[in-house]
Amino acid sequence: MTAEQMAGNLAKSLEDNRASDVKVYDVRGKSGFTDFFVVATGAAAPHLKALVRELPKAQRVSGDPESGWIVADYIDVVVHVFSAEARAYYALEKLWA
C-alpha cells in the first residue's frame, strides 16, 4: 500500500467513525519526516480516544484526549485528531495548506 492510499484509508476510517472536517495534506517535499498529514476533529475527549482506537495500529501514539490532541504516527502518514478548540488554536493546516 502506498502512503497516499494509507492516508486515504485512515481518513475514511475517521469519517466512518464520525470525525468532522477530515483533511488529507500531501507534504511530500515540504516535510522531512512524513509524506501525508491527516487532520480530523472529534466532538469531545472520549470521542478523540475512540477515533484513534478505531484506527489501525500505529507505530506510535502520543497525546492525551483530555488535552484535545492525539497524534498517531504511521511513518509515511501522521494522523492528528483534535478537539475543535485545540485544532483552532494550533492551526496546523496553515502550515501545510
PDB file of N, CA and C in Angstrom:
ATOM      1  N   MET A   1       0.847  -1.180   0.000  1.00  0.00           N
ATOM      2  CA  MET A   1       0.000   0.000   0.000  1.00  0.00           C
ATOM      3  C   MET A   1       0.890   1.240   0.000  1.00  0.00           C
ATOM      4  N   THR A   2       0.541   2.186  -0.835  1.00  0.00           N
ATOM      5  CA  THR A   2       1.310   3.426  -0.887  1.00  0.00           C
ATOM      6  C   THR A   2       0.915   4.337   0.276  1.00  0.00           C
ATOM      7  N   ALA A   3       1.748   5.322   0.535  1.00  0.00           N
ATOM      8  CA  ALA A   3       1.444   6.301   1.586  1.00  0.00           C
ATOM      9  C   ALA A   3       0.158   7.049   1.269  1.00  0.00           C
ATOM     10  N   GLU A   4      -0.057   7.349  -0.002  1.00  0.00           N
ATOM     11  CA  GLU A   4      -1.274   8.057  -0.404  1.00  0.00           C
ATOM     12  C   GLU A   4      -2.520   7.212  -0.134  1.00  0.00           C
ATOM     13  N   GLN A   5      -2.449   5.927  -0.446  1.00  0.00           N
ATOM     14  CA  GLN A   5      -3.571   5.026  -0.172  1.00  0.00           C
ATOM     15  C   GLN A   5      -3.807   4.904   1.332  1.00  0.00           C
ATOM     16  N   MET A   6      -2.715   4.794   2.099  1.00  0.00           N
ATOM     17  CA  MET A   6      -2.844   4.698   3.556  1.00  0.00           C
ATOM     18  C   MET A   6      -3.508   5.942   4.119  1.00  0.00           C
ATOM     19  N   ALA A   7      -3.093   7.111   3.642  1.00  0.00           N
ATOM     20  CA  ALA A   7      -3.695   8.360   4.116  1.00  0.00           C
ATOM     21  C   ALA A   7      -5.191   8.373   3.815  1.00  0.00           C
ATOM     22  N   GLY A   8      -5.563   7.938   2.624  1.00  0.00           N
ATOM     23  CA  GLY A   8      -6.978   7.875   2.260  1.00  0.00           C
ATOM     24  C   GLY A   8      -7.753   6.909   3.129  1.00  0.00           C
ATOM     25  N   ASN A   9      -7.164   5.744   3.408  1.00  0.00           N
ATOM     26  CA  ASN A   9      -7.828   4.747   4.254  1.00  0.00           C
ATOM     27  C   ASN A   9      -7.992   5.258   5.686  1.00  0.00           C
ATOM     28  N   LEU A  10      -6.974   5.916   6.200  1.00  0.00           N
ATOM     29  CA  LEU A  10      -7.063   6.467   7.555  1.00  0.00           C
ATOM     30  C   LEU A  10      -8.116   7.572   7.624  1.00  0.00           C
ATOM     31  N   ALA A  11      -8.164   8.424   6.608  1.00  0.00           N
ATOM     32  CA  ALA A  11      -9.179   9.479   6.565  1.00  0.00           C
ATOM     33  C   ALA A  11     -10.579   8.878   6.511  1.00  0.00           C
ATOM     34  N   LYS A  12     -10.755   7.826   5.715  1.00  0.00           N
ATOM     35  CA  LYS A  12     -12.066   7.174   5.619  1.00  0.00           C
ATOM     36  C   LYS A  12     -12.475   6.569   6.959  1.00  0.00           C
ATOM     37  N   SER A  13     -11.527   5.933   7.651  1.00  0.00           N
ATOM     38  CA  SER A  13     -11.824   5.367   8.967  1.00  0.00           C
ATOM     39  C   SER A  13     -12.293   6.452   9.933  1.00  0.00           C
ATOM     40  N   LEU A  14     -11.625   7.590   9.913  1.00  0.00           N
ATOM     41  CA  LEU A  14     -12.033   8.698  10.782  1.00  0.00           C
ATOM     42  C   LEU A  14     -13.427   9.187  10.423  1.00  0.00           C
ATOM     43  N   GLU A  15     -13.696   9.345   9.131  1.00  0.00           N
ATOM     44  CA  GLU A  15     -15.027   9.779   8.690  1.00  0.00           C
ATOM     45  C   GLU A  15     -16.095   8.756   9.075  1.00  0.00           C
ATOM     46  N   ASP A  16     -15.788   7.473   8.906  1.00  0.00           N
ATOM     47  CA  ASP A  16     -16.733   6.409   9.254  1.00  0.00           C
ATOM     48  C   ASP A  16     -17.078   6.416  10.737  1.00  0.00           C
ATOM     49  N   ASN A  17     -16.157   6.934  11.550  1.00  0.00           N
ATOM     50  CA  ASN A  17     -16.373   6.991  12.996  1.00  0.00           C
ATOM     51  C   ASN A  17     -16.778   8.382  13.463  1.00  0.00           C
ATOM     52  N   ARG A  18     -17.307   9.152  12.512  1.00  0.00           N
ATOM     53  CA  ARG A  18     -17.935  10.449  12.786  1.00  0.00           C
ATOM     54  C   ARG A  18     -16.988  11.571  13.193  1.00  0.00           C
ATOM     55  N   ALA A  19     -15.747  11.492  12.747  1.00  0.00           N
ATOM     56  CA  ALA A  19     -14.865  12.653  12.905  1.00  0.00           C
ATOM     57  C   ALA A  19     -15.375  13.724  11.943  1.00  0.00           C
ATOM     58  N   SER A  20     -15.144  14.964  12.263  1.00  0.00           N
ATOM     59  CA  SER A  20     -15.578  16.034  11.371  1.00  0.00           C
ATOM     60  C   SER A  20     -14.367  16.718  10.746  1.00  0.00           C
ATOM     61  N   ASP A  21     -14.638  17.379   9.635  1.00  0.00           N
ATOM     62  CA  ASP A  21     -13.641  18.190   8.940  1.00  0.00           C
ATOM     63  C   ASP A  21     -12.324  17.431   8.718  1.00  0.00           C
ATOM     64  N   VAL A  22     -12.426  16.221   8.183  1.00  0.00           N
ATOM     65  CA  VAL A  22     -11.247  15.384   7.922  1.00  0.00           C
ATOM     66  C   VAL A  22     -10.562  15.890   6.657  1.00  0.00           C
ATOM     67  N   LYS A  23      -9.279  16.175   6.772  1.00  0.00           N
ATOM     68  CA  LYS A  23      -8.482  16.691   5.652  1.00  0.00           C
ATOM     69  C   LYS A  23      -7.209  15.865   5.518  1.00  0.00           C
ATOM     70  N   VAL A  24      -6.776  15.662   4.271  1.00  0.00           N
ATOM     71  CA  VAL A  24      -5.509  14.998   3.979  1.00  0.00           C
ATOM     72  C   VAL A  24      -4.611  16.012   3.295  1.00  0.00           C
ATOM     73  N   TYR A  25      -3.401  16.179   3.821  1.00  0.00           N
ATOM     74  CA  TYR A  25      -2.428  17.117   3.256  1.00  0.00           C
ATOM     75  C   TYR A  25      -1.216  16.351   2.746  1.00  0.00           C
ATOM     76  N   ASP A  26      -0.886  16.570   1.489  1.00  0.00           N
ATOM     77  CA  ASP A  26       0.295  15.982   0.865  1.00  0.00           C
ATOM     78  C   ASP A  26       1.466  16.916   1.175  1.00  0.00           C
ATOM     79  N   VAL A  27       2.378  16.456   2.018  1.00  0.00           N
ATOM     80  CA  VAL A  27       3.502  17.298   2.420  1.00  0.00           C
ATOM     81  C   VAL A  27       4.833  16.749   1.884  1.00  0.00           C
ATOM     82  N   ARG A  28       4.745  15.892   0.859  1.00  0.00           N
ATOM     83  CA  ARG A  28       5.976  15.403   0.238  1.00  0.00           C
ATOM     84  C   ARG A  28       6.750  16.602  -0.301  1.00  0.00           C
ATOM     85  N   GLY A  29       8.015  16.648  -0.008  1.00  0.00           N
ATOM     86  CA  GLY A  29       8.840  17.766  -0.446  1.00  0.00           C
ATOM     87  C   GLY A  29       8.782  18.972   0.479  1.00  0.00           C
ATOM     88  N   LYS A  30       7.824  18.986   1.418  1.00  0.00           N
ATOM     89  CA  LYS A  30       7.696  20.089   2.373  1.00  0.00           C
ATOM     90  C   LYS A  30       8.099  19.659   3.778  1.00  0.00           C
ATOM     91  N   SER A  31       8.023  18.359   4.032  1.00  0.00           N
ATOM     92  CA  SER A  31       8.322  17.814   5.345  1.00  0.00           C
ATOM     93  C   SER A  31       9.417  16.766   5.216  1.00  0.00           C
ATOM     94  N   GLY A  32      10.326  16.759   6.146  1.00  0.00           N
ATOM     95  CA  GLY A  32      11.403  15.784   6.122  1.00  0.00           C
ATOM     96  C   GLY A  32      11.097  14.516   6.884  1.00  0.00           C
ATOM     97  N   PHE A  33       9.905  14.434   7.516  1.00  0.00           N
ATOM     98  CA  PHE A  33       9.646  13.265   8.352  1.00  0.00           C
ATOM     99  C   PHE A  33       8.396  12.479   7.975  1.00  0.00           C
ATOM    100  N   THR A  34       7.581  12.977   7.075  1.00  0.00           N
ATOM    101  CA  THR A  34       6.394  12.233   6.658  1.00  0.00           C
ATOM    102  C   THR A  34       5.950  12.711   5.282  1.00  0.00           C
ATOM    103  N   ASP A  35       5.071  11.943   4.656  1.00  0.00           N
ATOM    104  CA  ASP A  35       4.563  12.306   3.334  1.00  0.00           C
ATOM    105  C   ASP A  35       3.168  12.915   3.371  1.00  0.00           C
ATOM    106  N   PHE A  36       2.360  12.498   4.350  1.00  0.00           N
ATOM    107  CA  PHE A  36       0.980  12.972   4.447  1.00  0.00           C
ATOM    108  C   PHE A  36       0.609  13.241   5.889  1.00  0.00           C
ATOM    109  N   PHE A  37      -0.175  14.290   6.073  1.00  0.00           N
ATOM    110  CA  PHE A  37      -0.845  14.559   7.338  1.00  0.00           C
ATOM    111  C   PHE A  37      -2.327  14.327   7.117  1.00  0.00           C
ATOM    112  N   VAL A  38      -2.948  13.656   8.072  1.00  0.00           N
ATOM    113  CA  VAL A  38      -4.406  13.552   8.111  1.00  0.00           C
ATOM    114  C   VAL A  38      -4.829  14.283   9.371  1.00  0.00           C
ATOM    115  N   VAL A  39      -5.735  15.233   9.239  1.00  0.00           N
ATOM    116  CA  VAL A  39      -6.187  16.049  10.361  1.00  0.00           C
ATOM    117  C   VAL A  39      -7.699  15.887  10.488  1.00  0.00           C
ATOM    118  N   ALA A  40      -8.158  15.668  11.726  1.00  0.00           N
ATOM    119  CA  ALA A  40      -9.593  15.474  11.957  1.00  0.00           C
ATOM    120  C   ALA A  40      -9.977  16.074  13.304  1.00  0.00           C
ATOM    121  N   THR A  41     -11.262  16.322  13.455  1.00  0.00           N
ATOM    122  CA  THR A  41     -11.798  16.872  14.696  1.00  0.00           C
ATOM    123  C   THR A  41     -12.773  15.891  15.316  1.00  0.00           C
ATOM    124  N   GLY A  42     -12.632  15.702  16.622  1.00  0.00           N
ATOM    125  CA  GLY A  42     -13.565  14.888  17.391  1.00  0.00           C
ATOM    126  C   GLY A  42     -14.414  15.770  18.277  1.00  0.00           C
ATOM    127  N   ALA A  43     -15.526  15.229  18.737  1.00  0.00           N
ATOM    128  CA  ALA A  43     -16.509  16.015  19.482  1.00  0.00           C
ATOM    129  C   ALA A  43     -16.103  16.305  20.923  1.00  0.00           C
ATOM    130  N   ALA A  44     -15.411  15.366  21.571  1.00  0.00           N
ATOM    131  CA  ALA A  44     -15.035  15.504  22.981  1.00  0.00           C
ATOM    132  C   ALA A  44     -13.936  14.489  23.273  1.00  0.00           C
ATOM    133  N   ALA A  45     -13.344  14.566  24.457  1.00  0.00           N
ATOM    134  CA  ALA A  45     -12.227  13.680  24.807  1.00  0.00           C
ATOM    135  C   ALA A  45     -12.541  12.196  24.571  1.00  0.00           C
ATOM    136  N   PRO A  46     -13.701  11.670  24.991  1.00  0.00           N
ATOM    137  CA  PRO A  46     -13.981  10.258  24.730  1.00  0.00           C
ATOM    138  C   PRO A  46     -14.058   9.942  23.232  1.00  0.00           C
ATOM    139  N   HIS A  47     -14.553  10.899  22.447  1.00  0.00           N
ATOM    140  CA  HIS A  47     -14.634  10.695  21.007  1.00  0.00           C
ATOM    141  C   HIS A  47     -13.228  10.664  20.392  1.00  0.00           C
ATOM    142  N   LEU A  48     -12.331  11.549  20.832  1.00  0.00           N
ATOM    143  CA  LEU A  48     -10.948  11.536  20.345  1.00  0.00           C
ATOM    144  C   LEU A  48     -10.320  10.169  20.602  1.00  0.00           C
ATOM    145  N   LYS A  49     -10.491   9.674  21.800  1.00  0.00           N
ATOM    146  CA  LYS A  49      -9.923   8.375  22.180  1.00  0.00           C
ATOM    147  C   LYS A  49     -10.503   7.261  21.309  1.00  0.00           C
ATOM    148  N   ALA A  50     -11.794   7.286  21.084  1.00  0.00           N
ATOM    149  CA  ALA A  50     -12.449   6.264  20.264  1.00  0.00           C
ATOM    150  C   ALA A  50     -11.990   6.343  18.814  1.00  0.00           C
ATOM    151  N   LEU A  51     -11.825   7.551  18.281  1.00  0.00           N
ATOM    152  CA  LEU A  51     -11.374   7.702  16.897  1.00  0.00           C
ATOM    153  C   LEU A  51     -10.012   7.055  16.695  1.00  0.00           C
ATOM    154  N   VAL A  52      -9.093   7.305  17.604  1.00  0.00           N
ATOM    155  CA  VAL A  52      -7.742   6.748  17.488  1.00  0.00           C
ATOM    156  C   VAL A  52      -7.766   5.243  17.729  1.00  0.00           C
ATOM    157  N   ARG A  53      -8.580   4.792  18.658  1.00  0.00           N
ATOM    158  CA  ARG A  53      -8.687   3.355  18.954  1.00  0.00           C
ATOM    159  C   ARG A  53      -9.166   2.576  17.734  1.00  0.00           C
ATOM    160  N   GLU A  54     -10.013   3.183  16.910  1.00  0.00           N
ATOM    161  CA  GLU A  54     -10.558   2.508  15.739  1.00  0.00           C
ATOM    162  C   GLU A  54      -9.622   2.522  14.531  1.00  0.00           C
ATOM    163  N   LEU A  55      -8.536   3.291  14.603  1.00  0.00           N
ATOM    164  CA  LEU A  55      -7.556   3.294  13.518  1.00  0.00           C
ATOM    165  C   LEU A  55      -6.703   2.028  13.601  1.00  0.00           C
ATOM    166  N   PRO A  56      -6.079   1.624  12.486  1.00  0.00           N
ATOM    167  CA  PRO A  56      -5.127   0.516  12.556  1.00  0.00           C
ATOM    168  C   PRO A  56      -3.999   0.858  13.531  1.00  0.00           C
ATOM    169  N   LYS A  57      -3.329  -0.158  14.031  1.00  0.00           N
ATOM    170  CA  LYS A  57      -2.248   0.047  14.992  1.00  0.00           C
ATOM    171  C   LYS A  57      -1.144   0.908  14.374  1.00  0.00           C
ATOM    172  N   ALA A  58      -0.798   1.977  15.083  1.00  0.00           N
ATOM    173  CA  ALA A  58       0.231   2.903  14.625  1.00  0.00           C
ATOM    174  C   ALA A  58       1.588   2.513  15.207  1.00  0.00           C
ATOM    175  N   GLN A  59       2.657   3.041  14.613  1.00  0.00           N
ATOM    176  CA  GLN A  59       3.998   2.844  15.160  1.00  0.00           C
ATOM    177  C   GLN A  59       4.088   3.459  16.547  1.00  0.00           C
ATOM    178  N   ARG A  60       3.451   4.619  16.689  1.00  0.00           N
ATOM    179  CA  ARG A  60       3.469   5.320  17.962  1.00  0.00           C
ATOM    180  C   ARG A  60       2.243   6.209  18.060  1.00  0.00           C
ATOM    181  N   VAL A  61       1.670   6.282  19.254  1.00  0.00           N
ATOM    182  CA  VAL A  61       0.555   7.184  19.523  1.00  0.00           C
ATOM    183  C   VAL A  61       0.965   8.052  20.706  1.00  0.00           C
ATOM    184  N   SER A  62       0.729   9.334  20.584  1.00  0.00           N
ATOM    185  CA  SER A  62       1.103  10.265  21.635  1.00  0.00           C
ATOM    186  C   SER A  62      -0.025  11.265  21.842  1.00  0.00           C
ATOM    187  N   GLY A  63      -0.095  11.787  23.041  1.00  0.00           N
ATOM    188  CA  GLY A  63      -1.115  12.776  23.352  1.00  0.00           C
ATOM    189  C   GLY A  63      -2.136  12.229  24.315  1.00  0.00           C
ATOM    190  N   ASP A  64      -2.984  13.102  24.751  1.00  0.00           N
ATOM    191  CA  ASP A  64      -3.987  12.772  25.753  1.00  0.00           C
ATOM    192  C   ASP A  64      -5.325  13.342  25.288  1.00  0.00           C
ATOM    193  N   PRO A  65      -6.364  12.521  25.291  1.00  0.00           N
ATOM    194  CA  PRO A  65      -7.667  13.037  24.860  1.00  0.00           C
ATOM    195  C   PRO A  65      -8.095  14.281  25.644  1.00  0.00           C
ATOM    196  N   GLU A  66      -7.726  14.339  26.902  1.00  0.00           N
ATOM    197  CA  GLU A  66      -8.105  15.491  27.727  1.00  0.00           C
ATOM    198  C   GLU A  66      -7.400  16.775  27.285  1.00  0.00           C
ATOM    199  N   SER A  67      -6.244  16.631  26.630  1.00  0.00           N
ATOM    200  CA  SER A  67      -5.528  17.813  26.142  1.00  0.00           C
ATOM    201  C   SER A  67      -6.122  18.325  24.837  1.00  0.00           C
ATOM    202  N   GLY A  68      -6.909  17.481  24.165  1.00  0.00           N
ATOM    203  CA  GLY A  68      -7.536  17.878  22.914  1.00  0.00           C
ATOM    204  C   GLY A  68      -6.734  17.551  21.677  1.00  0.00           C
ATOM    205  N   TRP A  69      -5.639  16.770  21.825  1.00  0.00           N
ATOM    206  CA  TRP A  69      -4.798  16.471  20.666  1.00  0.00           C
ATOM    207  C   TRP A  69      -4.140  15.108  20.836  1.00  0.00           C
ATOM    208  N   ILE A  70      -4.371  14.228  19.878  1.00  0.00           N
ATOM    209  CA  ILE A  70      -3.722  12.914  19.840  1.00  0.00           C
ATOM    210  C   ILE A  70      -3.076  12.767  18.471  1.00  0.00           C
ATOM    211  N   VAL A  71      -1.849  12.257  18.456  1.00  0.00           N
ATOM    212  CA  VAL A  71      -1.104  12.041  17.221  1.00  0.00           C
ATOM    213  C   VAL A  71      -0.834  10.549  17.074  1.00  0.00           C
ATOM    214  N   ALA A  72      -1.135  10.010  15.890  1.00  0.00           N
ATOM    215  CA  ALA A  72      -0.826   8.622  15.565  1.00  0.00           C
ATOM    216  C   ALA A  72       0.160   8.624  14.405  1.00  0.00           C
ATOM    217  N   ASP A  73       1.315   7.989  14.607  1.00  0.00           N
ATOM    218  CA  ASP A  73       2.405   8.024  13.635  1.00  0.00           C
ATOM    219  C   ASP A  73       2.476   6.709  12.869  1.00  0.00           C
ATOM    220  N   TYR A  74       2.282   6.790  11.566  1.00  0.00           N
ATOM    221  CA  TYR A  74       2.376   5.634  10.670  1.00  0.00           C
ATOM    222  C   TYR A  74       3.602   5.765   9.764  1.00  0.00           C
ATOM    223  N   ILE A  75       4.584   6.518  10.172  1.00  0.00           N
ATOM    224  CA  ILE A  75       5.833   6.812   9.467  1.00  0.00           C
ATOM    225  C   ILE A  75       5.571   7.695   8.235  1.00  0.00           C
ATOM    226  N   ASP A  76       4.969   7.156   7.183  1.00  0.00           N
ATOM    227  CA  ASP A  76       4.717   7.942   5.973  1.00  0.00           C
ATOM    228  C   ASP A  76       3.454   8.791   6.079  1.00  0.00           C
ATOM    229  N   VAL A  77       2.658   8.529   7.100  1.00  0.00           N
ATOM    230  CA  VAL A  77       1.420   9.282   7.345  1.00  0.00           C
ATOM    231  C   VAL A  77       1.360   9.585   8.842  1.00  0.00           C
ATOM    232  N   VAL A  78       1.050  10.812   9.184  1.00  0.00           N
ATOM    233  CA  VAL A  78       0.858  11.197  10.581  1.00  0.00           C
ATOM    234  C   VAL A  78      -0.573  11.714  10.721  1.00  0.00           C
ATOM    235  N   VAL A  79      -1.305  11.138  11.670  1.00  0.00           N
ATOM    236  CA  VAL A  79      -2.701  11.495  11.907  1.00  0.00           C
ATOM    237  C   VAL A  79      -2.781  12.378  13.154  1.00  0.00           C
ATOM    238  N   HIS A  80      -3.445  13.520  13.016  1.00  0.00           N
ATOM    239  CA  HIS A  80      -3.684  14.433  14.134  1.00  0.00           C
ATOM    240  C   HIS A  80      -5.185  14.464  14.383  1.00  0.00           C
ATOM    241  N   VAL A  81      -5.594  14.085  15.586  1.00  0.00           N
ATOM    242  CA  VAL A  81      -7.006  14.128  15.968  1.00  0.00           C
ATOM    243  C   VAL A  81      -7.132  15.169  17.082  1.00  0.00           C
ATOM    244  N   PHE A  82      -7.919  16.191  16.793  1.00  0.00           N
ATOM    245  CA  PHE A  82      -8.056  17.337  17.687  1.00  0.00           C
ATOM    246  C   PHE A  82      -9.472  17.496  18.211  1.00  0.00           C
ATOM    247  N   SER A  83      -9.582  18.186  19.339  1.00  0.00           N
ATOM    248  CA  SER A  83     -10.859  18.794  19.714  1.00  0.00           C
ATOM    249  C   SER A  83     -10.979  20.038  18.835  1.00  0.00           C
ATOM    250  N   ALA A  84     -12.175  20.585  18.724  1.00  0.00           N
ATOM    251  CA  ALA A  84     -12.374  21.790  17.908  1.00  0.00           C
ATOM    252  C   ALA A  84     -11.527  22.953  18.428  1.00  0.00           C
ATOM    253  N   GLU A  85     -11.450  23.085  19.745  1.00  0.00           N
ATOM    254  CA  GLU A  85     -10.704  24.188  20.335  1.00  0.00           C
ATOM    255  C   GLU A  85      -9.206  24.065  20.054  1.00  0.00           C
ATOM    256  N   ALA A  86      -8.658  22.863  20.232  1.00  0.00           N
ATOM    257  CA  ALA A  86      -7.226  22.656  20.003  1.00  0.00           C
ATOM    258  C   ALA A  86      -6.880  22.812  18.522  1.00  0.00           C
ATOM    259  N   ARG A  87      -7.765  22.350  17.657  1.00  0.00           N
ATOM    260  CA  ARG A  87      -7.492  22.487  16.221  1.00  0.00           C
ATOM    261  C   ARG A  87      -7.438  23.952  15.816  1.00  0.00           C
ATOM    262  N   ALA A  88      -8.334  24.740  16.344  1.00  0.00           N
ATOM    263  CA  ALA A  88      -8.329  26.175  16.042  1.00  0.00           C
ATOM    264  C   ALA A  88      -7.090  26.846  16.631  1.00  0.00           C
ATOM    265  N   TYR A  89      -6.710  26.458  17.821  1.00  0.00           N
ATOM    266  CA  TYR A  89      -5.563  27.070  18.490  1.00  0.00           C
ATOM    267  C   TYR A  89      -4.249  26.767  17.767  1.00  0.00           C
ATOM    268  N   TYR A  90      -4.011  25.499  17.443  1.00  0.00           N
ATOM    269  CA  TYR A  90      -2.737  25.104  16.815  1.00  0.00           C
ATOM    270  C   TYR A  90      -2.709  25.371  15.310  1.00  0.00           C
ATOM    271  N   ALA A  91      -3.831  25.348  14.666  1.00  0.00           N
ATOM    272  CA  ALA A  91      -3.966  25.712  13.252  1.00  0.00           C
ATOM    273  C   ALA A  91      -2.884  25.097  12.366  1.00  0.00           C
ATOM    274  N   LEU A  92      -2.669  23.784  12.482  1.00  0.00           N
ATOM    275  CA  LEU A  92      -1.651  23.102  11.677  1.00  0.00           C
ATOM    276  C   LEU A  92      -1.885  23.249  10.190  1.00  0.00           C
ATOM    277  N   GLU A  93      -3.134  23.321   9.795  1.00  0.00           N
ATOM    278  CA  GLU A  93      -3.436  23.428   8.370  1.00  0.00           C
ATOM    279  C   GLU A  93      -2.782  24.628   7.710  1.00  0.00           C
ATOM    280  N   LYS A  94      -2.591  25.682   8.470  1.00  0.00           N
ATOM    281  CA  LYS A  94      -1.969  26.882   7.902  1.00  0.00           C
ATOM    282  C   LYS A  94      -0.526  26.616   7.482  1.00  0.00           C
ATOM    283  N   LEU A  95       0.104  25.632   8.117  1.00  0.00           N
ATOM    284  CA  LEU A  95       1.483  25.290   7.751  1.00  0.00           C
ATOM    285  C   LEU A  95       1.550  24.547   6.424  1.00  0.00           C
ATOM    286  N   TRP A  96       0.521  23.732   6.131  1.00  0.00           N
ATOM    287  CA  TRP A  96       0.608  22.807   5.006  1.00  0.00           C
ATOM    288  C   TRP A  96      -0.392  23.081   3.897  1.00  0.00           C
ATOM    289  N   ALA A  97      -1.331  23.966   4.114  1.00  0.00           N
ATOM    290  CA  ALA A  97      -2.372  24.190   3.101  1.00  0.00           C
ATOM    291  C   ALA A  97      -1.813  24.879   1.867  1.00  0.00           C
TER     292      ALA A  97
END
